[in-house]
C-alpha atoms as a PDB file:
ATOM      1  CA  PRO A   1       2.582 -14.098  23.119  1.00  0.00           C
ATOM      2  CA  SER A   2       4.881 -13.294  20.219  1.00  0.00           C
ATOM      3  CA  MET A   3       3.716 -10.860  17.559  1.00  0.00           C
ATOM      4  CA  PRO A   4       2.846 -12.282  14.125  1.00  0.00           C
ATOM      5  CA  PRO A   5       5.401 -11.438  11.455  1.00  0.00           C
ATOM      6  CA  GLU A   6       4.761  -8.173   9.667  1.00  0.00           C
ATOM      7  CA  PRO A   7       3.144  -8.668   6.232  1.00  0.00           C
ATOM      8  CA  CYS A   8       5.787  -6.492   4.606  1.00  0.00           C
ATOM      9  CA  GLY A   9       8.914  -8.136   5.913  1.00  0.00           C
ATOM     10  CA  GLY A  10       9.631  -5.304   8.307  1.00  0.00           C
ATOM     11  CA  LEU A  11      10.135  -2.649   5.630  1.00  0.00           C
ATOM     12  CA  LEU A  12       6.551  -1.486   5.987  1.00  0.00           C
ATOM     13  CA  GLN A  13       4.768  -2.074   9.278  1.00  0.00           C
ATOM     14  CA  GLY A  14       1.035  -2.645   9.641  1.00  0.00           C
ATOM     15  CA  SER A  15       0.341   0.886  10.818  1.00  0.00           C
ATOM     16  CA  GLN A  16       2.271   2.231   7.841  1.00  0.00           C
ATOM     17  CA  LEU A  17       0.071   0.203   5.502  1.00  0.00           C
ATOM     18  CA  TYR A  18      -2.958   2.029   6.851  1.00  0.00           C
ATOM     19  CA  SER A  19      -1.190   5.363   6.416  1.00  0.00           C
ATOM     20  CA  VAL A  20      -0.624   4.471   2.747  1.00  0.00           C
ATOM     21  CA  ILE A  21      -4.284   3.423   2.374  1.00  0.00           C
ATOM     22  CA  ASP A  22      -5.419   6.702   3.923  1.00  0.00           C
ATOM     23  CA  ALA A  23      -3.161   8.764   1.646  1.00  0.00           C
ATOM     24  CA  VAL A  24      -4.296   7.315  -1.698  1.00  0.00           C
ATOM     25  CA  PRO A  25      -7.727   8.354  -3.024  1.00  0.00           C
ATOM     26  CA  VAL A  26     -10.052   5.326  -3.145  1.00  0.00           C
ATOM     27  CA  ARG A  27     -10.987   5.980  -6.767  1.00  0.00           C
ATOM     28  CA  ARG A  28      -7.308   5.790  -7.763  1.00  0.00           C
ATOM     29  CA  TRP A  29      -6.414   2.766  -5.619  1.00  0.00           C
ATOM     30  CA  LYS A  30      -6.402   0.144  -8.377  1.00  0.00           C
ATOM     31  CA  GLU A  31      -4.346   2.449 -10.599  1.00  0.00           C
ATOM     32  CA  PHE A  32      -1.932   2.861  -7.680  1.00  0.00           C
ATOM     33  CA  MET A  33      -1.600  -0.919  -7.314  1.00  0.00           C
ATOM     34  CA  ARG A  34      -1.004  -1.268 -11.069  1.00  0.00           C
ATOM     35  CA  VAL A  35       1.724   1.391 -10.941  1.00  0.00           C
ATOM     36  CA  LEU A  36       3.292  -0.643  -8.113  1.00  0.00           C
ATOM     37  CA  GLU A  37       3.060  -3.610 -10.515  1.00  0.00           C
ATOM     38  CA  LEU A  38       0.674  -5.828  -8.591  1.00  0.00           C
ATOM     39  CA  ARG A  39      -0.686  -8.258 -11.171  1.00  0.00           C
ATOM     40  CA  GLU A  40      -4.184  -7.564 -12.523  1.00  0.00           C
ATOM     41  CA  ALA A  41      -5.209 -11.121 -11.620  1.00  0.00           C
ATOM     42  CA  GLU A  42      -4.295 -10.464  -7.971  1.00  0.00           C
ATOM     43  CA  ILE A  43      -6.299  -7.232  -7.933  1.00  0.00           C
ATOM     44  CA  GLU A  44      -9.364  -9.002  -9.339  1.00  0.00           C
ATOM     45  CA  LEU A  45      -8.967 -11.923  -6.949  1.00  0.00           C
ATOM     46  CA  VAL A  46      -8.880  -9.625  -3.930  1.00  0.00           C
ATOM     47  CA  GLU A  47     -11.986  -7.821  -5.208  1.00  0.00           C
ATOM     48  CA  LEU A  48     -13.806 -11.154  -5.397  1.00  0.00           C
ATOM     49  CA  GLU A  49     -12.574 -12.505  -2.055  1.00  0.00           C
ATOM     50  CA  VAL A  50     -12.811  -9.410   0.152  1.00  0.00           C
ATOM     51  CA  ALA A  51     -16.051  -7.498   0.686  1.00  0.00           C
ATOM     52  CA  HIS A  52     -15.057  -4.140   2.152  1.00  0.00           C
ATOM     53  CA  ILE A  53     -13.005  -1.655   0.148  1.00  0.00           C
ATOM     54  CA  ARG A  54     -10.639  -0.819   3.013  1.00  0.00           C
ATOM     55  CA  ASP A  55      -9.985  -4.533   3.577  1.00  0.00           C
ATOM     56  CA  GLN A  56      -9.393  -4.926  -0.168  1.00  0.00           C
ATOM     57  CA  GLN A  57      -6.851  -2.098  -0.092  1.00  0.00           C
ATOM     58  CA  TYR A  58      -5.019  -3.666   2.844  1.00  0.00           C
ATOM     59  CA  GLU A  59      -5.018  -7.107   1.212  1.00  0.00           C
ATOM     60  CA  MET A  60      -3.728  -5.764  -2.122  1.00  0.00           C
ATOM     61  CA  LEU A  61      -0.964  -3.837  -0.381  1.00  0.00           C
ATOM     62  CA  LYS A  62      -0.077  -6.888   1.709  1.00  0.00           C
ATOM     63  CA  ARG A  63       0.152  -9.089  -1.400  1.00  0.00           C
ATOM     64  CA  TRP A  64       2.324  -6.494  -3.131  1.00  0.00           C
ATOM     65  CA  CYS A  65       4.579  -6.494  -0.070  1.00  0.00           C
ATOM     66  CA  GLN A  66       4.899 -10.276  -0.158  1.00  0.00           C
ATOM     67  CA  GLN A  67       5.860 -10.330  -3.857  1.00  0.00           C
ATOM     68  CA  THR A  68       8.454  -7.587  -3.942  1.00  0.00           C
ATOM     69  CA  SER A  69      10.841  -5.633  -1.788  1.00  0.00           C
ATOM     70  CA  PRO A  70       8.382  -3.071  -0.449  1.00  0.00           C
ATOM     71  CA  THR A  71       9.847   0.286   0.400  1.00  0.00           C
ATOM     72  CA  LEU A  72       8.318   3.664   1.088  1.00  0.00           C
ATOM     73  CA  ASP A  73      10.486   5.041  -1.723  1.00  0.00           C
ATOM     74  CA  ARG A  74       8.640   2.851  -4.214  1.00  0.00           C
ATOM     75  CA  ILE A  75       5.300   3.997  -2.819  1.00  0.00           C
ATOM     76  CA  PHE A  76       6.316   7.667  -3.016  1.00  0.00           C
ATOM     77  CA  ALA A  77       7.612   7.141  -6.567  1.00  0.00           C
ATOM     78  CA  ALA A  78       4.305   5.542  -7.593  1.00  0.00           C
ATOM     79  CA  LEU A  79       2.327   8.454  -6.150  1.00  0.00           C
ATOM     80  CA  GLU A  80       4.558  10.971  -7.952  1.00  0.00           C
ATOM     81  CA  ARG A  81       4.120   9.080 -11.226  1.00  0.00           C
ATOM     82  CA  MET A  82       0.334   9.316 -10.767  1.00  0.00           C
ATOM     83  CA  ASP A  83       0.616  13.100 -10.191  1.00  0.00           C
ATOM     84  CA  LEU A  84      -0.405  12.587  -6.559  1.00  0.00           C
ATOM     85  CA  GLY A  85       2.449  14.597  -5.087  1.00  0.00           C
ATOM     86  CA  GLY A  86       0.066  16.063  -2.504  1.00  0.00           C
ATOM     87  CA  CYS A  87      -0.838  12.552  -1.361  1.00  0.00           C
ATOM     88  CA  ALA A  88       2.841  11.651  -1.141  1.00  0.00           C
ATOM     89  CA  GLU A  89       3.430  14.768   0.972  1.00  0.00           C
ATOM     90  CA  ALA A  90       0.493  13.902   3.259  1.00  0.00           C
ATOM     91  CA  LEU A  91       1.879  10.381   3.641  1.00  0.00           C
ATOM     92  CA  ARG A  92       5.328  11.709   4.558  1.00  0.00           C
ATOM     93  CA  ARG A  93       3.726  13.821   7.281  1.00  0.00           C
ATOM     94  CA  ALA A  94       1.586  10.919   8.530  1.00  0.00           C
ATOM     95  CA  LEU A  95       4.485   8.494   8.913  1.00  0.00           C
ATOM     96  CA  PRO A  96       6.670   8.665  11.997  1.00  0.00           C
ATOM     97  CA  SER A  97      10.140   9.687  10.901  1.00  0.00           C
ATOM     98  CA  GLY A  98      12.868   7.130  11.318  1.00  0.00           C
ATOM     99  CA  PRO A  99      15.983   7.365  13.531  1.00  0.00           C
END
């Protein structure tokens, strides 16, 4: 069977989404999504529709990916802007390096 299309148009793969989720502190997640410019209405909708926090994080990240050109650079930039340089560094280590 063929694989379903990646939610992030190939720029971010599913496993990378979970690496991002793991790198960002839960208490700062909504701030992170706002820095990435996911609309407040989307954030609230996901909170209403999805019960578990980890599923909410994945869904918010997936929606952000579908609305923009998602790149790791933008994610790293958002973390730096939030003074989460340590999280950005942990994420860099967690992600398999490219070719």
